[in-house]
Amino acid sequence: MIFENPIVQDTLQHVATSVADSVKQVISYGASGHGEKFNFQHLLDHVKDSRTIELPFLHLELPQFPPLHIGGFMLDLSPTKHVFFLLLCALLLIVGAISTSRAYRKTFVPHGFVNLIEMLVVFIRDEVVLPNMGSEGMKYIPYLLTTFFYILFMNLIGLVPYGASATGNIMVTAGLATVAFFMIQISAIQAQGLKNYLMHLTGGVHWGLWIIMIPIEILGLFTKPFALCIRLFANMSAGHIVILSLIGFIFMFQSIAVAPVSVLFALFINMLELFVAVLQAYIFTMLTAVFMGFGVQAAHESHEGNH
């Protein structure tokens, strides 16, 4: 049975703990005599960024640094909760990659966690990179694998009690999309050459229509990463807001009879969030590979047309 798998059991335990923690916070809030004054904004504080990390019986204040003034702009480098978990996921990814690599070298038959990582790496290579980019995409596999695992780690850590999904912050998804934008353009230029890449912006139409076509093509370059940014941000934020809204129904209706239904639905959505966390990491990586593949395919079509 799948539920006898230790990994599945640990995952379900985390889900149950996360939901139970949310219920305890809401119940304690109502027990304090504020039930009639309940405000959904109190629940939404869970998905907002802050300079405090909430732990059991402890609120950890993150350090604040004096802002830097560059010209007429002010740059604040003080870490926030999302920045903390973003850096934590980066550290976990580095440690996990190094330990997996060392364990893989010691045995020709991987097992356990190493076997899981190998399965995901092979899947990204055979089902994402090669079908969309061909053999030329092999050199971009490190970037695409890093993107997949980094987003996956950030998505999953938000389901851990007292954790936060950095991908629920639009600035984080915008940063990921910006990196994807440059990688899409770099792969196209390397495959086509700079001259053919610039000519591709004309859409292959008569030069008299370039004044119309070139702005449209340039706009199309930015709509792809914009879609990546908004899709990831919206999907990762929506699940948390739905869970908090379901818990909030207990106080909106001011009836204990609503609690079992709200908790059961919240538990279902939280389990669904596990699937969404993996799915969104896959979709972001897949679409990035598809967009990069467009430039590679255009180079092949141009090469075949010359022959």
C-alpha atoms as a PDB file:
ATOM      1  CA  MET A   1       0.000   0.000   0.000  1.00  0.00           C
ATOM      2  CA  ILE A   2       1.160   3.520  -0.838  1.00  0.00           C
ATOM      3  CA  PHE A   3       0.244   4.799   2.669  1.00  0.00           C
ATOM      4  CA  GLU A   4       2.707   2.310   4.170  1.00  0.00           C
ATOM      5  CA  ASN A   5       5.577   4.173   2.503  1.00  0.00           C
ATOM      6  CA  PRO A   6       7.572   6.106   5.164  1.00  0.00           C
ATOM      7  CA  ILE A   7       7.883   9.155   2.891  1.00  0.00           C
ATOM      8  CA  VAL A   8       4.115   9.254   2.330  1.00  0.00           C
ATOM      9  CA  GLN A   9       3.477   8.817   6.059  1.00  0.00           C
ATOM     10  CA  ASP A  10       5.830  11.700   6.916  1.00  0.00           C
ATOM     11  CA  THR A  11       4.166  13.911   4.295  1.00  0.00           C
ATOM     12  CA  LEU A  12       0.678  13.179   5.613  1.00  0.00           C
ATOM     13  CA  GLN A  13       1.927  13.844   9.144  1.00  0.00           C
ATOM     14  CA  HIS A  14       3.197  17.273   8.068  1.00  0.00           C
ATOM     15  CA  VAL A  15      -0.141  18.023   6.409  1.00  0.00           C
ATOM     16  CA  ALA A  16      -2.106  17.025   9.506  1.00  0.00           C
ATOM     17  CA  THR A  17       0.211  19.039  11.765  1.00  0.00           C
ATOM     18  CA  SER A  18      -0.101  22.122   9.564  1.00  0.00           C
ATOM     19  CA  VAL A  19      -3.898  22.007   9.561  1.00  0.00           C
ATOM     20  CA  ALA A  20      -4.014  21.288  13.298  1.00  0.00           C
ATOM     21  CA  ASP A  21      -1.767  24.276  13.950  1.00  0.00           C
ATOM     22  CA  SER A  22      -4.053  26.544  11.931  1.00  0.00           C
ATOM     23  CA  VAL A  23      -7.094  25.279  13.824  1.00  0.00           C
ATOM     24  CA  LYS A  24      -5.380  25.817  17.193  1.00  0.00           C
ATOM     25  CA  GLN A  25      -4.483  29.399  16.281  1.00  0.00           C
ATOM     26  CA  VAL A  26      -8.042  30.180  15.232  1.00  0.00           C
ATOM     27  CA  ILE A  27      -9.574  28.473  18.292  1.00  0.00           C
ATOM     28  CA  SER A  28      -7.211  30.254  20.651  1.00  0.00           C
ATOM     29  CA  TYR A  29      -8.104  33.535  18.991  1.00  0.00           C
ATOM     30  CA  GLY A  30     -11.802  32.854  19.482  1.00  0.00           C
ATOM     31  CA  ALA A  31     -11.319  31.665  23.049  1.00  0.00           C
ATOM     32  CA  SER A  32      -9.705  34.945  23.957  1.00  0.00           C
ATOM     33  CA  GLY A  33     -13.078  36.628  23.601  1.00  0.00           C
ATOM     34  CA  HIS A  34     -12.535  38.192  20.184  1.00  0.00           C
ATOM     35  CA  GLY A  35     -14.753  35.776  18.246  1.00  0.00           C
ATOM     36  CA  GLU A  36     -17.399  38.416  17.525  1.00  0.00           C
ATOM     37  CA  LYS A  37     -14.740  40.824  16.305  1.00  0.00           C
ATOM     38  CA  PHE A  38     -12.999  38.277  14.121  1.00  0.00           C
ATOM     39  CA  ASN A  39     -11.238  39.842  11.139  1.00  0.00           C
ATOM     40  CA  PHE A  40     -10.055  37.855   8.128  1.00  0.00           C
ATOM     41  CA  GLN A  41      -7.043  40.178   7.972  1.00  0.00           C
ATOM     42  CA  HIS A  42      -5.709  38.350  11.040  1.00  0.00           C
ATOM     43  CA  LEU A  43      -5.679  35.106   9.078  1.00  0.00           C
ATOM     44  CA  LEU A  44      -4.182  36.681   5.973  1.00  0.00           C
ATOM     45  CA  ASP A  45      -1.134  37.707   8.010  1.00  0.00           C
ATOM     46  CA  HIS A  46       0.025  34.094   7.469  1.00  0.00           C
ATOM     47  CA  VAL A  47       0.533  34.630   3.722  1.00  0.00           C
ATOM     48  CA  LYS A  48       1.953  38.155   3.968  1.00  0.00           C
ATOM     49  CA  ASP A  49       5.647  38.915   4.143  1.00  0.00           C
ATOM     50  CA  SER A  50       7.007  40.243   7.418  1.00  0.00           C
ATOM     51  CA  ARG A  51      10.205  40.783   9.386  1.00  0.00           C
ATOM     52  CA  THR A  52       9.213  38.194  11.989  1.00  0.00           C
ATOM     53  CA  ILE A  53       9.441  34.407  11.873  1.00  0.00           C
ATOM     54  CA  GLU A  54       6.738  32.856  14.018  1.00  0.00           C
ATOM     55  CA  LEU A  55       7.835  29.786  15.950  1.00  0.00           C
ATOM     56  CA  PRO A  56       6.136  27.890  18.808  1.00  0.00           C
ATOM     57  CA  PHE A  57       6.132  30.235  21.804  1.00  0.00           C
ATOM     58  CA  LEU A  58       8.651  32.478  20.053  1.00  0.00           C
ATOM     59  CA  HIS A  59       8.621  35.313  17.541  1.00  0.00           C
ATOM     60  CA  LEU A  60      12.061  35.638  15.964  1.00  0.00           C
ATOM     61  CA  GLU A  61      12.789  39.171  14.816  1.00  0.00           C
ATOM     62  CA  LEU A  62      14.995  39.288  11.722  1.00  0.00           C
ATOM     63  CA  PRO A  63      17.891  41.760  11.683  1.00  0.00           C
ATOM     64  CA  GLN A  64      17.417  45.139  10.062  1.00  0.00           C
ATOM     65  CA  PHE A  65      20.153  47.008   8.257  1.00  0.00           C
ATOM     66  CA  PRO A  66      20.332  50.729   7.473  1.00  0.00           C
ATOM     67  CA  PRO A  67      19.005  51.355   3.942  1.00  0.00           C
ATOM     68  CA  LEU A  68      21.432  52.253   1.195  1.00  0.00           C
ATOM     69  CA  HIS A  69      20.870  55.486  -0.714  1.00  0.00           C
ATOM     70  CA  ILE A  70      21.977  55.270  -4.346  1.00  0.00           C
ATOM     71  CA  GLY A  71      21.221  58.468  -6.210  1.00  0.00           C
ATOM     72  CA  GLY A  72      17.570  59.185  -5.609  1.00  0.00           C
ATOM     73  CA  PHE A  73      16.728  55.579  -4.733  1.00  0.00           C
ATOM     74  CA  MET A  74      16.684  53.826  -1.376  1.00  0.00           C
ATOM     75  CA  LEU A  75      17.702  50.160  -1.249  1.00  0.00           C
ATOM     76  CA  ASP A  76      16.657  48.158   1.811  1.00  0.00           C
ATOM     77  CA  LEU A  77      18.690  44.957   2.185  1.00  0.00           C
ATOM     78  CA  SER A  78      17.099  43.879   5.467  1.00  0.00           C
ATOM     79  CA  PRO A  79      15.912  40.255   5.257  1.00  0.00           C
ATOM     80  CA  THR A  80      12.228  39.395   5.494  1.00  0.00           C
ATOM     81  CA  LYS A  81      10.440  36.118   6.207  1.00  0.00           C
ATOM     82  CA  HIS A  82      10.233  35.216   2.517  1.00  0.00           C
ATOM     83  CA  VAL A  83      13.891  36.094   1.985  1.00  0.00           C
ATOM     84  CA  PHE A  84      14.845  33.892   4.934  1.00  0.00           C
ATOM     85  CA  PHE A  85      12.997  30.870   3.562  1.00  0.00           C
ATOM     86  CA  LEU A  86      14.259  31.597   0.045  1.00  0.00           C
ATOM     87  CA  LEU A  87      17.846  31.459   1.299  1.00  0.00           C
ATOM     88  CA  LEU A  88      17.048  28.425   3.449  1.00  0.00           C
ATOM     89  CA  CYS A  89      15.736  26.568   0.385  1.00  0.00           C
ATOM     90  CA  ALA A  90      18.867  27.529  -1.542  1.00  0.00           C
ATOM     91  CA  LEU A  91      21.009  26.121   1.283  1.00  0.00           C
ATOM     92  CA  LEU A  92      18.941  22.923   1.433  1.00  0.00           C
ATOM     93  CA  LEU A  93      19.212  22.539  -2.336  1.00  0.00           C
ATOM     94  CA  ILE A  94      23.005  22.922  -2.253  1.00  0.00           C
ATOM     95  CA  VAL A  95      23.427  20.495   0.641  1.00  0.00           C
ATOM     96  CA  GLY A  96      21.004  18.021  -0.927  1.00  0.00           C
ATOM     97  CA  ALA A  97      22.692  18.169  -4.326  1.00  0.00           C
ATOM     98  CA  ILE A  98      26.182  17.670  -2.868  1.00  0.00           C
ATOM     99  CA  SER A  99      25.129  14.809  -0.586  1.00  0.00           C
ATOM    100  CA  THR A 100      23.185  13.123  -3.393  1.00  0.00           C
ATOM    101  CA  SER A 101      26.133  13.432  -5.756  1.00  0.00           C
ATOM    102  CA  ARG A 102      28.511  11.905  -3.209  1.00  0.00           C
ATOM    103  CA  ALA A 103      26.091   9.085  -2.390  1.00  0.00           C
ATOM    104  CA  TYR A 104      25.571   8.370  -6.085  1.00  0.00           C
ATOM    105  CA  ARG A 105      29.316   7.969  -6.623  1.00  0.00           C
ATOM    106  CA  LYS A 106      29.551   5.403  -3.853  1.00  0.00           C
ATOM    107  CA  THR A 107      26.966   3.017  -5.306  1.00  0.00           C
ATOM    108  CA  PHE A 108      25.872   1.990  -8.772  1.00  0.00           C
ATOM    109  CA  VAL A 109      22.402   1.070  -7.501  1.00  0.00           C
ATOM    110  CA  PRO A 110      20.890   4.158  -5.864  1.00  0.00           C
ATOM    111  CA  HIS A 111      18.173   3.711  -3.269  1.00  0.00           C
ATOM    112  CA  GLY A 112      15.988   5.805  -1.015  1.00  0.00           C
ATOM    113  CA  PHE A 113      16.286   9.568  -1.425  1.00  0.00           C
ATOM    114  CA  VAL A 114      19.035   9.254  -4.046  1.00  0.00           C
ATOM    115  CA  ASN A 115      16.777   7.039  -6.154  1.00  0.00           C
ATOM    116  CA  LEU A 116      14.002   9.637  -5.944  1.00  0.00           C
ATOM    117  CA  ILE A 117      16.336  12.410  -7.105  1.00  0.00           C
ATOM    118  CA  GLU A 118      17.607  10.247  -9.962  1.00  0.00           C
ATOM    119  CA  MET A 119      14.030   9.582 -11.068  1.00  0.00           C
ATOM    120  CA  LEU A 120      13.229  13.302 -11.142  1.00  0.00           C
ATOM    121  CA  VAL A 121      16.454  14.163 -12.989  1.00  0.00           C
ATOM    122  CA  VAL A 122      15.809  11.517 -15.643  1.00  0.00           C
ATOM    123  CA  PHE A 123      12.202  12.687 -15.957  1.00  0.00           C
ATOM    124  CA  ILE A 124      13.223  16.308 -16.568  1.00  0.00           C
ATOM    125  CA  ARG A 125      15.821  15.185 -19.102  1.00  0.00           C
ATOM    126  CA  ASP A 126      13.677  12.709 -21.060  1.00  0.00           C
ATOM    127  CA  GLU A 127      10.213  14.288 -20.772  1.00  0.00           C
ATOM    128  CA  VAL A 128      10.973  18.021 -20.644  1.00  0.00           C
ATOM    129  CA  VAL A 129      14.323  18.924 -22.185  1.00  0.00           C
ATOM    130  CA  LEU A 130      14.811  16.439 -25.038  1.00  0.00           C
ATOM    131  CA  PRO A 131      11.259  16.604 -26.486  1.00  0.00           C
ATOM    132  CA  ASN A 132      11.267  20.428 -26.530  1.00  0.00           C
ATOM    133  CA  MET A 133      14.891  21.316 -27.230  1.00  0.00           C
ATOM    134  CA  GLY A 134      16.460  18.202 -28.695  1.00  0.00           C
ATOM    135  CA  SER A 135      20.043  17.214 -28.062  1.00  0.00           C
ATOM    136  CA  GLU A 136      21.098  20.884 -28.013  1.00  0.00           C
ATOM    137  CA  GLY A 137      19.126  21.299 -24.808  1.00  0.00           C
ATOM    138  CA  MET A 138      21.441  19.009 -22.863  1.00  0.00           C
ATOM    139  CA  LYS A 139      23.737  21.913 -22.006  1.00  0.00           C
ATOM    140  CA  TYR A 140      20.816  23.739 -20.380  1.00  0.00           C
ATOM    141  CA  ILE A 141      19.805  20.817 -18.145  1.00  0.00           C
ATOM    142  CA  PRO A 142      21.716  22.186 -15.084  1.00  0.00           C
ATOM    143  CA  TYR A 143      19.720  25.424 -15.248  1.00  0.00           C
ATOM    144  CA  LEU A 144      16.382  23.675 -15.760  1.00  0.00           C
ATOM    145  CA  LEU A 145      17.046  21.161 -12.978  1.00  0.00           C
ATOM    146  CA  THR A 146      18.037  23.968 -10.612  1.00  0.00           C
ATOM    147  CA  THR A 147      14.847  25.827 -11.508  1.00  0.00           C
ATOM    148  CA  PHE A 148      12.683  22.758 -10.917  1.00  0.00           C
ATOM    149  CA  PHE A 149      14.170  21.735  -7.564  1.00  0.00           C
ATOM    150  CA  TYR A 150      14.476  25.294  -6.265  1.00  0.00           C
ATOM    151  CA  ILE A 151      10.815  26.071  -6.961  1.00  0.00           C
ATOM    152  CA  LEU A 152       9.809  22.664  -5.590  1.00  0.00           C
ATOM    153  CA  PHE A 153      11.684  23.258  -2.324  1.00  0.00           C
ATOM    154  CA  MET A 154      10.174  26.738  -1.920  1.00  0.00           C
ATOM    155  CA  ASN A 155       6.681  25.405  -2.603  1.00  0.00           C
ATOM    156  CA  LEU A 156       6.960  22.482  -0.179  1.00  0.00           C
ATOM    157  CA  ILE A 157       8.515  24.405   2.695  1.00  0.00           C
ATOM    158  CA  GLY A 158       5.385  26.539   2.832  1.00  0.00           C
ATOM    159  CA  LEU A 159       3.409  23.433   3.802  1.00  0.00           C
ATOM    160  CA  VAL A 160       5.647  22.751   6.787  1.00  0.00           C
ATOM    161  CA  PRO A 161       4.258  24.145  10.069  1.00  0.00           C
ATOM    162  CA  TYR A 162       5.529  27.703  10.671  1.00  0.00           C
ATOM    163  CA  GLY A 163       7.051  27.754   7.190  1.00  0.00           C
ATOM    164  CA  ALA A 164       6.334  30.176   4.343  1.00  0.00           C
ATOM    165  CA  SER A 165       6.221  29.769   0.577  1.00  0.00           C
ATOM    166  CA  ALA A 166       8.579  32.316  -0.942  1.00  0.00           C
ATOM    167  CA  THR A 167       6.879  31.653  -4.291  1.00  0.00           C
ATOM    168  CA  GLY A 168       3.783  33.272  -2.804  1.00  0.00           C
ATOM    169  CA  ASN A 169       5.671  36.563  -3.127  1.00  0.00           C
ATOM    170  CA  ILE A 170       5.375  38.117  -6.587  1.00  0.00           C
ATOM    171  CA  MET A 171       8.855  39.629  -6.305  1.00  0.00           C
ATOM    172  CA  VAL A 172      10.332  36.125  -5.974  1.00  0.00           C
ATOM    173  CA  THR A 173       8.409  34.777  -8.962  1.00  0.00           C
ATOM    174  CA  ALA A 174       9.350  37.910 -10.910  1.00  0.00           C
ATOM    175  CA  GLY A 175      13.022  37.200 -10.163  1.00  0.00           C
ATOM    176  CA  LEU A 176      12.664  33.612 -11.362  1.00  0.00           C
ATOM    177  CA  ALA A 177      10.867  34.822 -14.491  1.00  0.00           C
ATOM    178  CA  THR A 178      13.598  37.408 -15.158  1.00  0.00           C
ATOM    179  CA  VAL A 179      16.273  34.704 -15.075  1.00  0.00           C
ATOM    180  CA  ALA A 180      14.095  32.587 -17.384  1.00  0.00           C
ATOM    181  CA  PHE A 181      13.746  35.566 -19.761  1.00  0.00           C
ATOM    182  CA  PHE A 182      17.507  35.946 -20.125  1.00  0.00           C
ATOM    183  CA  MET A 183      17.996  32.191 -20.546  1.00  0.00           C
ATOM    184  CA  ILE A 184      15.353  32.114 -23.291  1.00  0.00           C
ATOM    185  CA  GLN A 185      17.100  34.916 -25.184  1.00  0.00           C
ATOM    186  CA  ILE A 186      20.600  33.476 -24.628  1.00  0.00           C
ATOM    187  CA  SER A 187      19.587  30.031 -25.900  1.00  0.00           C
ATOM    188  CA  ALA A 188      17.966  31.589 -28.994  1.00  0.00           C
ATOM    189  CA  ILE A 189      21.025  33.746 -29.763  1.00  0.00           C
ATOM    190  CA  GLN A 190      23.401  30.809 -29.319  1.00  0.00           C
ATOM    191  CA  ALA A 191      21.298  28.629 -31.618  1.00  0.00           C
ATOM    192  CA  GLN A 192      20.493  31.223 -34.303  1.00  0.00           C
ATOM    193  CA  GLY A 193      23.307  33.716 -34.084  1.00  0.00           C
ATOM    194  CA  LEU A 194      22.758  37.384 -33.227  1.00  0.00           C
ATOM    195  CA  LYS A 195      21.927  38.422 -36.807  1.00  0.00           C
ATOM    196  CA  ASN A 196      19.264  35.761 -37.342  1.00  0.00           C
ATOM    197  CA  TYR A 197      17.891  36.398 -33.857  1.00  0.00           C
ATOM    198  CA  LEU A 198      17.359  40.092 -34.652  1.00  0.00           C
ATOM    199  CA  MET A 199      15.873  39.246 -38.053  1.00  0.00           C
ATOM    200  CA  HIS A 200      13.451  36.904 -36.338  1.00  0.00           C
ATOM    201  CA  LEU A 201      11.948  39.960 -34.615  1.00  0.00           C
ATOM    202  CA  THR A 202      10.694  41.149 -38.009  1.00  0.00           C
ATOM    203  CA  GLY A 203       8.394  38.137 -38.270  1.00  0.00           C
ATOM    204  CA  GLY A 204       9.556  37.444 -41.824  1.00  0.00           C
ATOM    205  CA  VAL A 205       7.268  40.125 -43.282  1.00  0.00           C
ATOM    206  CA  HIS A 206       8.010  42.888 -45.809  1.00  0.00           C
ATOM    207  CA  TRP A 207      10.208  45.663 -44.453  1.00  0.00           C
ATOM    208  CA  GLY A 208       7.330  48.098 -44.786  1.00  0.00           C
ATOM    209  CA  LEU A 209       5.525  46.257 -41.968  1.00  0.00           C
ATOM    210  CA  TRP A 210       8.515  46.152 -39.640  1.00  0.00           C
ATOM    211  CA  ILE A 211       7.274  49.253 -37.770  1.00  0.00           C
ATOM    212  CA  ILE A 212       4.259  47.185 -36.709  1.00  0.00           C
ATOM    213  CA  MET A 213       5.768  43.731 -36.408  1.00  0.00           C
ATOM    214  CA  ILE A 214       8.924  44.545 -34.423  1.00  0.00           C
ATOM    215  CA  PRO A 215       7.096  46.133 -31.437  1.00  0.00           C
ATOM    216  CA  ILE A 216       4.675  43.186 -31.398  1.00  0.00           C
ATOM    217  CA  GLU A 217       7.517  40.648 -31.401  1.00  0.00           C
ATOM    218  CA  ILE A 218       9.372  42.545 -28.668  1.00  0.00           C
ATOM    219  CA  LEU A 219       6.196  42.637 -26.586  1.00  0.00           C
ATOM    220  CA  GLY A 220       5.874  38.885 -27.122  1.00  0.00           C
ATOM    221  CA  LEU A 221       9.339  38.386 -25.622  1.00  0.00           C
ATOM    222  CA  PHE A 222       8.139  39.860 -22.323  1.00  0.00           C
ATOM    223  CA  THR A 223       4.699  38.247 -22.184  1.00  0.00           C
ATOM    224  CA  LYS A 224       6.229  34.774 -21.815  1.00  0.00           C
ATOM    225  CA  PRO A 225       8.146  35.449 -18.562  1.00  0.00           C
ATOM    226  CA  PHE A 226       5.255  37.604 -17.328  1.00  0.00           C
ATOM    227  CA  ALA A 227       2.940  34.614 -17.693  1.00  0.00           C
ATOM    228  CA  LEU A 228       5.443  32.435 -15.803  1.00  0.00           C
ATOM    229  CA  CYS A 229       5.617  34.996 -13.000  1.00  0.00           C
ATOM    230  CA  ILE A 230       1.873  35.452 -12.528  1.00  0.00           C
ATOM    231  CA  ARG A 231       0.976  31.766 -12.904  1.00  0.00           C
ATOM    232  CA  LEU A 232       3.367  30.606 -10.175  1.00  0.00           C
ATOM    233  CA  PHE A 233       2.504  33.471  -7.814  1.00  0.00           C
ATOM    234  CA  ALA A 234      -1.264  33.086  -8.213  1.00  0.00           C
ATOM    235  CA  ASN A 235      -1.323  29.320  -7.798  1.00  0.00           C
ATOM    236  CA  MET A 236       0.878  29.266  -4.703  1.00  0.00           C
ATOM    237  CA  SER A 237      -1.006  32.135  -3.037  1.00  0.00           C
ATOM    238  CA  ALA A 238      -4.475  30.838  -3.873  1.00  0.00           C
ATOM    239  CA  GLY A 239      -4.154  27.562  -1.972  1.00  0.00           C
ATOM    240  CA  HIS A 240      -3.119  29.224   1.285  1.00  0.00           C
ATOM    241  CA  ILE A 241      -5.861  31.836   1.016  1.00  0.00           C
ATOM    242  CA  VAL A 242      -8.487  29.154   0.381  1.00  0.00           C
ATOM    243  CA  ILE A 243      -7.364  27.205   3.468  1.00  0.00           C
ATOM    244  CA  LEU A 244      -7.443  30.321   5.636  1.00  0.00           C
ATOM    245  CA  SER A 245     -10.866  31.261   4.274  1.00  0.00           C
ATOM    246  CA  LEU A 246     -12.245  27.819   5.079  1.00  0.00           C
ATOM    247  CA  ILE A 247     -11.007  28.089   8.662  1.00  0.00           C
ATOM    248  CA  GLY A 248     -12.454  31.595   8.834  1.00  0.00           C
ATOM    249  CA  PHE A 249     -15.947  30.244   8.073  1.00  0.00           C
ATOM    250  CA  ILE A 250     -16.058  28.946  11.655  1.00  0.00           C
ATOM    251  CA  PHE A 251     -16.166  32.505  12.936  1.00  0.00           C
ATOM    252  CA  MET A 252     -18.056  34.023  10.044  1.00  0.00           C
ATOM    253  CA  PHE A 253     -21.022  31.745  10.781  1.00  0.00           C
ATOM    254  CA  GLN A 254     -20.274  31.825  14.542  1.00  0.00           C
ATOM    255  CA  SER A 255     -21.230  28.171  14.894  1.00  0.00           C
ATOM    256  CA  ILE A 256     -19.246  25.165  16.093  1.00  0.00           C
ATOM    257  CA  ALA A 257     -21.271  23.021  13.666  1.00  0.00           C
ATOM    258  CA  VAL A 258     -19.283  24.542  10.779  1.00  0.00           C
ATOM    259  CA  ALA A 259     -15.933  23.480  12.264  1.00  0.00           C
ATOM    260  CA  PRO A 260     -15.896  19.813  11.105  1.00  0.00           C
ATOM    261  CA  VAL A 261     -16.766  20.768   7.522  1.00  0.00           C
ATOM    262  CA  SER A 262     -14.243  23.623   7.428  1.00  0.00           C
ATOM    263  CA  VAL A 263     -11.437  21.498   8.884  1.00  0.00           C
ATOM    264  CA  LEU A 264     -12.124  18.558   6.543  1.00  0.00           C
ATOM    265  CA  PHE A 265     -12.167  20.801   3.482  1.00  0.00           C
ATOM    266  CA  ALA A 266      -9.015  22.588   4.698  1.00  0.00           C
ATOM    267  CA  LEU A 267      -7.307  19.219   5.118  1.00  0.00           C
ATOM    268  CA  PHE A 268      -8.316  18.246   1.588  1.00  0.00           C
ATOM    269  CA  ILE A 269      -7.017  21.519   0.130  1.00  0.00           C
ATOM    270  CA  ASN A 270      -3.774  21.161   2.090  1.00  0.00           C
ATOM    271  CA  MET A 271      -3.234  17.673   0.665  1.00  0.00           C
ATOM    272  CA  LEU A 272      -4.043  19.065  -2.778  1.00  0.00           C
ATOM    273  CA  GLU A 273      -1.385  21.710  -2.175  1.00  0.00           C
ATOM    274  CA  LEU A 274       1.233  18.928  -2.122  1.00  0.00           C
ATOM    275  CA  PHE A 275       0.253  18.038  -5.666  1.00  0.00           C
ATOM    276  CA  VAL A 276       0.106  21.696  -6.705  1.00  0.00           C
ATOM    277  CA  ALA A 277       3.605  22.317  -5.279  1.00  0.00           C
ATOM    278  CA  VAL A 278       5.085  19.643  -7.546  1.00  0.00           C
ATOM    279  CA  LEU A 279       2.857  20.545 -10.496  1.00  0.00           C
ATOM    280  CA  GLN A 280       3.769  24.241 -10.486  1.00  0.00           C
ATOM    281  CA  ALA A 281       7.492  23.469 -10.324  1.00  0.00           C
ATOM    282  CA  TYR A 282       7.022  21.143 -13.298  1.00  0.00           C
ATOM    283  CA  ILE A 283       4.922  23.647 -15.282  1.00  0.00           C
ATOM    284  CA  PHE A 284       7.390  26.499 -14.750  1.00  0.00           C
ATOM    285  CA  THR A 285      10.266  24.268 -15.877  1.00  0.00           C
ATOM    286  CA  MET A 286       8.303  22.813 -18.787  1.00  0.00           C
ATOM    287  CA  LEU A 287       7.208  26.205 -20.151  1.00  0.00           C
ATOM    288  CA  THR A 288      10.729  27.586 -19.792  1.00  0.00           C
ATOM    289  CA  ALA A 289      12.047  24.637 -21.813  1.00  0.00           C
ATOM    290  CA  VAL A 290       9.286  25.138 -24.395  1.00  0.00           C
ATOM    291  CA  PHE A 291      10.102  28.835 -24.801  1.00  0.00           C
ATOM    292  CA  MET A 292      13.805  28.058 -25.063  1.00  0.00           C
ATOM    293  CA  GLY A 293      12.974  25.359 -27.587  1.00  0.00           C
ATOM    294  CA  PHE A 294      11.228  27.899 -29.839  1.00  0.00           C
ATOM    295  CA  GLY A 295      14.562  29.610 -30.472  1.00  0.00           C
ATOM    296  CA  VAL A 296      16.338  26.318 -31.111  1.00  0.00           C
ATOM    297  CA  GLN A 297      13.624  25.160 -33.513  1.00  0.00           C
ATOM    298  CA  ALA A 298      13.744  28.485 -35.350  1.00  0.00           C
ATOM    299  CA  ALA A 299      17.470  27.941 -35.904  1.00  0.00           C
ATOM    300  CA  HIS A 300      16.806  24.476 -37.350  1.00  0.00           C
ATOM    301  CA  GLU A 301      14.086  25.805 -39.662  1.00  0.00           C
ATOM    302  CA  SER A 302      16.387  28.589 -40.855  1.00  0.00           C
ATOM    303  CA  HIS A 303      19.194  26.097 -41.464  1.00  0.00           C
ATOM    304  CA  GLU A 304      16.901  23.763 -43.418  1.00  0.00           C
ATOM    305  CA  GLY A 305      15.553  26.684 -45.454  1.00  0.00           C
ATOM    306  CA  ASN A 306      19.067  27.646 -46.525  1.00  0.00           C
ATOM    307  CA  HIS A 307      19.573  24.128 -47.885  1.00  0.00           C
END
